[in-house]
């Protein structure tokens, strides 16, 4: 498991440097965003595999589960992002955005509630085949990372006996 973690950890920077830059600065390059999302999910899987002491087959199963939930989460995140942009413009006095404040705020709250529900479903899907100890580790990891969106090096690092 450690070898796989190290091997994948070394491939991430190589993949990052091998990617071409977006055509226009500030423009959303969907291909670049897809690669960034893929790298983020790989980091999530590595963190899960390390924290939960998973073998390769279990890690691949977790990756597939994360992918399914990310496909459902993506439009909600875009909705939050678009509404937040409107709210930001309105907070700066943009007259066109001021009339949309209440609707944008409601969209943010609704999308965040749906994301929270997805996080509960994700926990249940990831935890269904785990022991109680590993379910507890998963719950702590998800709580610390707010539902897997920011899995970084802040995951649960407990004794593993290795």
C-alpha atoms as a PDB file:
ATOM      1  CA  UNK A   1       0.000   0.000   0.000  1.00  0.00           C
ATOM      2  CA  UNK A   2       2.811   2.388   0.866  1.00  0.00           C
ATOM      3  CA  UNK A   3       4.485   1.772  -2.522  1.00  0.00           C
ATOM      4  CA  UNK A   4       1.273   2.520  -4.373  1.00  0.00           C
ATOM      5  CA  UNK A   5       0.779   5.705  -2.357  1.00  0.00           C
ATOM      6  CA  UNK A   6       4.317   6.878  -3.069  1.00  0.00           C
ATOM      7  CA  UNK A   7       4.104   5.965  -6.745  1.00  0.00           C
ATOM      8  CA  UNK A   8       0.867   7.874  -7.194  1.00  0.00           C
ATOM      9  CA  UNK A   9       2.169  10.787  -5.138  1.00  0.00           C
ATOM     10  CA  UNK A  10       5.109  11.166  -7.519  1.00  0.00           C
ATOM     11  CA  UNK A  11       2.902  10.987 -10.607  1.00  0.00           C
ATOM     12  CA  UNK A  12       0.681  13.892  -9.532  1.00  0.00           C
ATOM     13  CA  UNK A  13       3.320  16.622 -10.032  1.00  0.00           C
ATOM     14  CA  UNK A  14       4.368  15.101 -13.355  1.00  0.00           C
ATOM     15  CA  UNK A  15       0.759  15.137 -14.538  1.00  0.00           C
ATOM     16  CA  UNK A  16       0.351  18.739 -13.386  1.00  0.00           C
ATOM     17  CA  UNK A  17       3.392  20.006 -15.293  1.00  0.00           C
ATOM     18  CA  UNK A  18       2.500  18.070 -18.435  1.00  0.00           C
ATOM     19  CA  UNK A  19      -0.810  19.906 -18.849  1.00  0.00           C
ATOM     20  CA  UNK A  20      -1.055  22.746 -21.398  1.00  0.00           C
ATOM     21  CA  UNK A  21      -2.216  26.160 -20.261  1.00  0.00           C
ATOM     22  CA  UNK A  22      -5.675  27.559 -21.028  1.00  0.00           C
ATOM     23  CA  UNK A  23      -6.032  29.605 -24.201  1.00  0.00           C
ATOM     24  CA  UNK A  24      -7.299  32.769 -22.500  1.00  0.00           C
ATOM     25  CA  UNK A  25      -6.460  33.796 -18.946  1.00  0.00           C
ATOM     26  CA  UNK A  26      -9.594  33.919 -16.820  1.00  0.00           C
ATOM     27  CA  UNK A  27     -11.593  31.777 -19.260  1.00  0.00           C
ATOM     28  CA  UNK A  28     -12.882  28.435 -18.046  1.00  0.00           C
ATOM     29  CA  UNK A  29     -11.118  25.681 -19.905  1.00  0.00           C
ATOM     30  CA  UNK A  30     -13.312  22.621 -19.459  1.00  0.00           C
ATOM     31  CA  UNK A  31     -10.517  20.222 -20.341  1.00  0.00           C
ATOM     32  CA  UNK A  32      -8.206  21.801 -17.763  1.00  0.00           C
ATOM     33  CA  UNK A  33     -10.970  21.753 -15.152  1.00  0.00           C
ATOM     34  CA  UNK A  34     -11.658  18.074 -15.880  1.00  0.00           C
ATOM     35  CA  UNK A  35      -7.972  17.246 -15.366  1.00  0.00           C
ATOM     36  CA  UNK A  36      -7.907  19.243 -12.131  1.00  0.00           C
ATOM     37  CA  UNK A  37     -11.006  17.384 -10.947  1.00  0.00           C
ATOM     38  CA  UNK A  38      -9.346  14.074 -11.826  1.00  0.00           C
ATOM     39  CA  UNK A  39      -6.205  15.002  -9.860  1.00  0.00           C
ATOM     40  CA  UNK A  40      -8.356  16.092  -6.923  1.00  0.00           C
ATOM     41  CA  UNK A  41     -10.228  12.772  -6.915  1.00  0.00           C
ATOM     42  CA  UNK A  42      -6.904  10.909  -7.097  1.00  0.00           C
ATOM     43  CA  UNK A  43      -5.727  12.808  -4.020  1.00  0.00           C
ATOM     44  CA  UNK A  44      -8.998  11.902  -2.296  1.00  0.00           C
ATOM     45  CA  UNK A  45      -8.578   8.212  -3.116  1.00  0.00           C
ATOM     46  CA  UNK A  46      -4.963   8.255  -1.917  1.00  0.00           C
ATOM     47  CA  UNK A  47      -5.975   9.900   1.348  1.00  0.00           C
ATOM     48  CA  UNK A  48      -8.824   7.425   1.833  1.00  0.00           C
ATOM     49  CA  UNK A  49      -6.589   4.468   0.988  1.00  0.00           C
ATOM     50  CA  UNK A  50      -3.943   5.648   3.423  1.00  0.00           C
ATOM     51  CA  UNK A  51      -6.322   6.560   6.253  1.00  0.00           C
ATOM     52  CA  UNK A  52      -8.509   3.474   5.915  1.00  0.00           C
ATOM     53  CA  UNK A  53      -5.640   1.095   5.056  1.00  0.00           C
ATOM     54  CA  UNK A  54      -7.313  -0.083   1.855  1.00  0.00           C
ATOM     55  CA  UNK A  55      -5.915  -2.477  -0.700  1.00  0.00           C
ATOM     56  CA  UNK A  56      -5.863  -1.610  -4.417  1.00  0.00           C
ATOM     57  CA  UNK A  57      -9.235  -3.194  -5.199  1.00  0.00           C
ATOM     58  CA  UNK A  58     -10.922  -1.333  -2.343  1.00  0.00           C
ATOM     59  CA  UNK A  59      -9.277   1.929  -3.414  1.00  0.00           C
ATOM     60  CA  UNK A  60     -10.550   1.475  -6.979  1.00  0.00           C
ATOM     61  CA  UNK A  61     -14.049   0.823  -5.656  1.00  0.00           C
ATOM     62  CA  UNK A  62     -13.839   4.019  -3.588  1.00  0.00           C
ATOM     63  CA  UNK A  63     -12.670   5.893  -6.691  1.00  0.00           C
ATOM     64  CA  UNK A  64     -15.713   4.742  -8.651  1.00  0.00           C
ATOM     65  CA  UNK A  65     -18.024   5.769  -5.812  1.00  0.00           C
ATOM     66  CA  UNK A  66     -16.383   9.197  -5.573  1.00  0.00           C
ATOM     67  CA  UNK A  67     -16.715   9.623  -9.343  1.00  0.00           C
ATOM     68  CA  UNK A  68     -20.453   8.891  -9.263  1.00  0.00           C
ATOM     69  CA  UNK A  69     -21.026  11.383  -6.477  1.00  0.00           C
ATOM     70  CA  UNK A  70     -18.815  14.017  -8.099  1.00  0.00           C
ATOM     71  CA  UNK A  71     -20.950  13.803 -11.237  1.00  0.00           C
ATOM     72  CA  UNK A  72     -23.991  14.622  -9.103  1.00  0.00           C
ATOM     73  CA  UNK A  73     -22.177  17.310  -7.077  1.00  0.00           C
ATOM     74  CA  UNK A  74     -20.683  19.226 -10.039  1.00  0.00           C
ATOM     75  CA  UNK A  75     -23.889  21.025 -11.187  1.00  0.00           C
ATOM     76  CA  UNK A  76     -24.657  22.001  -7.588  1.00  0.00           C
ATOM     77  CA  UNK A  77     -21.189  23.504  -7.146  1.00  0.00           C
ATOM     78  CA  UNK A  78     -21.616  25.430 -10.390  1.00  0.00           C
ATOM     79  CA  UNK A  79     -24.962  26.724  -9.152  1.00  0.00           C
ATOM     80  CA  UNK A  80     -23.350  27.905  -5.911  1.00  0.00           C
ATOM     81  CA  UNK A  81     -20.482  29.498  -7.848  1.00  0.00           C
ATOM     82  CA  UNK A  82     -22.816  31.346 -10.250  1.00  0.00           C
ATOM     83  CA  UNK A  83     -25.059  32.565  -7.445  1.00  0.00           C
ATOM     84  CA  UNK A  84     -22.055  33.633  -5.379  1.00  0.00           C
ATOM     85  CA  UNK A  85     -20.802  35.640  -8.364  1.00  0.00           C
ATOM     86  CA  UNK A  86     -24.150  37.459  -8.519  1.00  0.00           C
ATOM     87  CA  UNK A  87     -24.060  38.119  -4.770  1.00  0.00           C
ATOM     88  CA  UNK A  88     -20.489  39.401  -5.013  1.00  0.00           C
ATOM     89  CA  UNK A  89     -21.438  41.804  -7.813  1.00  0.00           C
ATOM     90  CA  UNK A  90     -24.465  42.973  -5.833  1.00  0.00           C
ATOM     91  CA  UNK A  91     -22.325  43.575  -2.754  1.00  0.00           C
ATOM     92  CA  UNK A  92     -20.214  45.917  -4.893  1.00  0.00           C
ATOM     93  CA  UNK A  93     -23.292  47.860  -5.999  1.00  0.00           C
ATOM     94  CA  UNK A  94     -23.903  46.378  -9.456  1.00  0.00           C
ATOM     95  CA  UNK A  95     -27.433  47.562 -10.256  1.00  0.00           C
ATOM     96  CA  UNK A  96     -28.246  44.579 -12.497  1.00  0.00           C
ATOM     97  CA  UNK A  97     -27.227  42.111  -9.763  1.00  0.00           C
ATOM     98  CA  UNK A  98     -29.066  43.936  -6.960  1.00  0.00           C
ATOM     99  CA  UNK A  99     -32.450  42.758  -8.232  1.00  0.00           C
ATOM    100  CA  UNK A 100     -31.267  39.132  -8.141  1.00  0.00           C
ATOM    101  CA  UNK A 101     -29.954  39.044  -4.558  1.00  0.00           C
ATOM    102  CA  UNK A 102     -32.808  37.148  -2.902  1.00  0.00           C
ATOM    103  CA  UNK A 103     -33.073  34.547  -5.664  1.00  0.00           C
ATOM    104  CA  UNK A 104     -29.288  34.032  -5.724  1.00  0.00           C
ATOM    105  CA  UNK A 105     -29.113  33.658  -1.939  1.00  0.00           C
ATOM    106  CA  UNK A 106     -31.930  31.114  -2.016  1.00  0.00           C
ATOM    107  CA  UNK A 107     -30.180  29.150  -4.781  1.00  0.00           C
ATOM    108  CA  UNK A 108     -26.995  29.046  -2.702  1.00  0.00           C
ATOM    109  CA  UNK A 109     -28.817  27.745   0.357  1.00  0.00           C
ATOM    110  CA  UNK A 110     -30.780  25.170  -1.648  1.00  0.00           C
ATOM    111  CA  UNK A 111     -27.692  23.876  -3.470  1.00  0.00           C
ATOM    112  CA  UNK A 112     -25.680  23.676  -0.244  1.00  0.00           C
ATOM    113  CA  UNK A 113     -28.490  21.685   1.395  1.00  0.00           C
ATOM    114  CA  UNK A 114     -28.448  19.280  -1.553  1.00  0.00           C
ATOM    115  CA  UNK A 115     -24.655  18.998  -1.289  1.00  0.00           C
ATOM    116  CA  UNK A 116     -24.994  18.172   2.415  1.00  0.00           C
ATOM    117  CA  UNK A 117     -27.515  15.451   1.553  1.00  0.00           C
ATOM    118  CA  UNK A 118     -25.083  14.092  -1.057  1.00  0.00           C
ATOM    119  CA  UNK A 119     -22.347  14.035   1.579  1.00  0.00           C
ATOM    120  CA  UNK A 120     -24.552  11.874   3.816  1.00  0.00           C
ATOM    121  CA  UNK A 121     -25.240   9.525   0.898  1.00  0.00           C
ATOM    122  CA  UNK A 122     -21.530   9.435   0.061  1.00  0.00           C
ATOM    123  CA  UNK A 123     -20.651   8.476   3.631  1.00  0.00           C
ATOM    124  CA  UNK A 124     -23.210   5.671   3.560  1.00  0.00           C
ATOM    125  CA  UNK A 125     -21.942   4.412   0.196  1.00  0.00           C
ATOM    126  CA  UNK A 126     -18.292   4.500   1.252  1.00  0.00           C
ATOM    127  CA  UNK A 127     -18.903   3.055   4.728  1.00  0.00           C
ATOM    128  CA  UNK A 128     -21.183   0.148   3.841  1.00  0.00           C
ATOM    129  CA  UNK A 129     -18.396  -2.465   3.556  1.00  0.00           C
ATOM    130  CA  UNK A 130     -16.101  -1.055   6.255  1.00  0.00           C
ATOM    131  CA  UNK A 131     -15.523  -2.181   9.819  1.00  0.00           C
ATOM    132  CA  UNK A 132     -16.820   0.093  12.608  1.00  0.00           C
ATOM    133  CA  UNK A 133     -13.288   1.377  13.255  1.00  0.00           C
ATOM    134  CA  UNK A 134     -12.792   2.309   9.596  1.00  0.00           C
ATOM    135  CA  UNK A 135     -16.281   3.865   9.426  1.00  0.00           C
ATOM    136  CA  UNK A 136     -15.287   6.043  12.363  1.00  0.00           C
ATOM    137  CA  UNK A 137     -12.059   7.066  10.592  1.00  0.00           C
ATOM    138  CA  UNK A 138     -14.055   7.853   7.448  1.00  0.00           C
ATOM    139  CA  UNK A 139     -16.551   9.956   9.409  1.00  0.00           C
ATOM    140  CA  UNK A 140     -13.742  11.926  11.076  1.00  0.00           C
ATOM    141  CA  UNK A 141     -12.009  12.419   7.730  1.00  0.00           C
ATOM    142  CA  UNK A 142     -15.196  13.634   6.065  1.00  0.00           C
ATOM    143  CA  UNK A 143     -16.026  15.937   8.960  1.00  0.00           C
ATOM    144  CA  UNK A 144     -12.570  17.479   8.814  1.00  0.00           C
ATOM    145  CA  UNK A 145     -12.715  17.929   5.070  1.00  0.00           C
ATOM    146  CA  UNK A 146     -16.363  19.048   4.883  1.00  0.00           C
ATOM    147  CA  UNK A 147     -17.612  16.073   2.942  1.00  0.00           C
ATOM    148  CA  UNK A 148     -14.554  15.165   0.918  1.00  0.00           C
ATOM    149  CA  UNK A 149     -14.292  18.481  -0.927  1.00  0.00           C
ATOM    150  CA  UNK A 150     -10.996  19.490   0.570  1.00  0.00           C
ATOM    151  CA  UNK A 151      -9.147  16.290   1.309  1.00  0.00           C
ATOM    152  CA  UNK A 152      -5.593  17.345   1.860  1.00  0.00           C
ATOM    153  CA  UNK A 153      -2.917  16.273   4.309  1.00  0.00           C
ATOM    154  CA  UNK A 154      -5.221  17.047   7.226  1.00  0.00           C
ATOM    155  CA  UNK A 155      -6.817  13.607   7.349  1.00  0.00           C
ATOM    156  CA  UNK A 156      -6.891  11.353  10.385  1.00  0.00           C
ATOM    157  CA  UNK A 157      -3.418   9.969  11.012  1.00  0.00           C
ATOM    158  CA  UNK A 158      -3.740   7.296  13.630  1.00  0.00           C
ATOM    159  CA  UNK A 159      -1.472   4.391  14.531  1.00  0.00           C
ATOM    160  CA  UNK A 160      -1.480   1.711  11.863  1.00  0.00           C
ATOM    161  CA  UNK A 161       1.078  -0.721  13.163  1.00  0.00           C
ATOM    162  CA  UNK A 162       3.425  -0.431  10.182  1.00  0.00           C
END
